């Protein structure tokens, strides 16, 4: 369920940055789901599932690898996880849109 909602979230966030004179593609969340399904079927909701799963695996691995080290160096590891996850999130935006 996460990938379809992530896809809709990213697309709706992207339409928030439209220039003057451009109209929004989706009126609301449900309209976005309907349009995506109408255009590409249920499979269209899972575009980008590969990178999403990889992002989750990388994030989990970086967080769980050495819990004692994470406790000792929370700031350094936390910053690393945020930077890594943000970089992968940016790639997701390009894949979803």
Protein backbone atom coordinates (compact mmCIF):
# COMPACT_ATOMS: atom_id res chain seq x y z
CA UNK A 1 0.00 0.00 0.00
CA UNK A 2 2.92 2.37 0.51
CA UNK A 3 4.04 2.63 -3.11
CA UNK A 4 0.67 3.81 -4.53
CA UNK A 5 0.29 6.44 -1.84
CA UNK A 6 3.91 7.53 -2.29
CA UNK A 7 3.34 7.86 -6.03
CA UNK A 8 0.25 10.02 -5.53
CA UNK A 9 2.03 12.12 -2.86
CA UNK A 10 4.99 12.82 -5.15
CA UNK A 11 2.79 13.70 -8.13
CA UNK A 12 0.59 16.01 -6.08
CA UNK A 13 3.63 17.71 -4.54
CA UNK A 14 5.09 18.21 -8.01
CA UNK A 15 1.93 19.88 -9.27
CA UNK A 16 2.19 22.34 -6.40
CA UNK A 17 5.19 23.88 -8.16
CA UNK A 18 3.39 24.77 -11.38
CA UNK A 19 4.07 28.10 -13.00
CA UNK A 20 1.56 30.85 -13.66
CA UNK A 21 -1.18 29.89 -16.07
CA UNK A 22 -0.70 26.15 -15.61
CA UNK A 23 -3.61 24.14 -14.24
CA UNK A 24 -3.36 21.37 -11.69
CA UNK A 25 -3.66 17.86 -13.07
CA UNK A 26 -5.28 16.37 -9.96
CA UNK A 27 -8.10 18.00 -8.01
CA UNK A 28 -7.57 15.83 -4.91
CA UNK A 29 -6.05 12.52 -3.76
CA UNK A 30 -8.92 10.37 -4.95
CA UNK A 31 -8.94 12.07 -8.35
CA UNK A 32 -5.21 11.35 -8.64
CA UNK A 33 -5.73 7.65 -7.85
CA UNK A 34 -8.59 7.45 -10.35
CA UNK A 35 -6.68 9.18 -13.15
CA UNK A 36 -3.57 7.04 -12.64
CA UNK A 37 -5.62 3.83 -12.64
CA UNK A 38 -7.66 4.95 -15.67
CA UNK A 39 -4.48 5.77 -17.60
CA UNK A 40 -2.43 2.67 -16.79
CA UNK A 41 -4.48 0.22 -14.73
CA UNK A 42 -3.59 -0.98 -11.25
CA UNK A 43 0.01 -1.66 -12.34
CA UNK A 44 0.50 2.07 -12.90
CA UNK A 45 0.23 2.59 -9.13
CA UNK A 46 3.34 0.48 -8.64
CA UNK A 47 5.66 2.35 -10.99
CA UNK A 48 8.93 2.75 -9.13
CA UNK A 49 8.41 -0.09 -6.66
CA UNK A 50 11.97 -1.34 -7.27
CA UNK A 51 13.69 1.87 -6.16
CA UNK A 52 11.27 2.19 -3.23
CA UNK A 53 12.15 -1.30 -1.96
CA UNK A 54 15.86 -0.64 -2.49
CA UNK A 55 15.61 2.67 -0.60
CA UNK A 56 13.90 0.92 2.31
CA UNK A 57 16.52 -1.84 2.35
CA UNK A 58 19.42 0.63 2.29
CA UNK A 59 17.86 2.76 5.00
CA UNK A 60 17.15 -0.25 7.21
CA UNK A 61 20.66 -1.63 6.70
CA UNK A 62 22.26 1.67 7.63
CA UNK A 63 20.09 1.98 10.72
CA UNK A 64 20.37 -1.59 12.01
CA UNK A 65 23.95 -2.56 11.12
CA UNK A 66 25.53 -1.73 14.47
CA UNK A 67 22.99 -0.55 17.00
CA UNK A 68 25.70 0.14 19.61
CA UNK A 69 27.59 2.38 17.21
CA UNK A 70 24.41 4.16 16.30
CA UNK A 71 23.76 4.86 19.97
CA UNK A 72 27.31 6.17 20.45
CA UNK A 73 27.46 8.18 17.25
CA UNK A 74 23.81 9.06 16.75
CA UNK A 75 24.47 12.42 15.19
CA UNK A 76 26.95 11.17 12.58
CA UNK A 77 24.96 8.08 11.61
CA UNK A 78 21.64 9.92 11.69
CA UNK A 79 23.00 12.59 9.39
CA UNK A 80 24.37 9.92 7.04
CA UNK A 81 21.00 8.13 6.93
CA UNK A 82 19.14 11.36 6.23
CA UNK A 83 21.51 12.35 3.41
CA UNK A 84 21.43 8.87 1.88
CA UNK A 85 17.65 8.56 2.12
CA UNK A 86 17.09 12.08 0.74
CA UNK A 87 19.32 11.34 -2.27
CA UNK A 88 17.36 8.19 -3.06
CA UNK A 89 14.06 10.06 -2.51
CA UNK A 90 15.08 12.58 -5.19
CA UNK A 91 15.62 9.69 -7.61
CA UNK A 92 12.14 8.40 -6.75
CA UNK A 93 10.63 11.73 -7.77
CA UNK A 94 12.22 11.48 -11.23
CA UNK A 95 11.04 7.86 -11.64
CA UNK A 96 7.47 8.54 -10.47
CA UNK A 97 6.97 11.64 -12.54
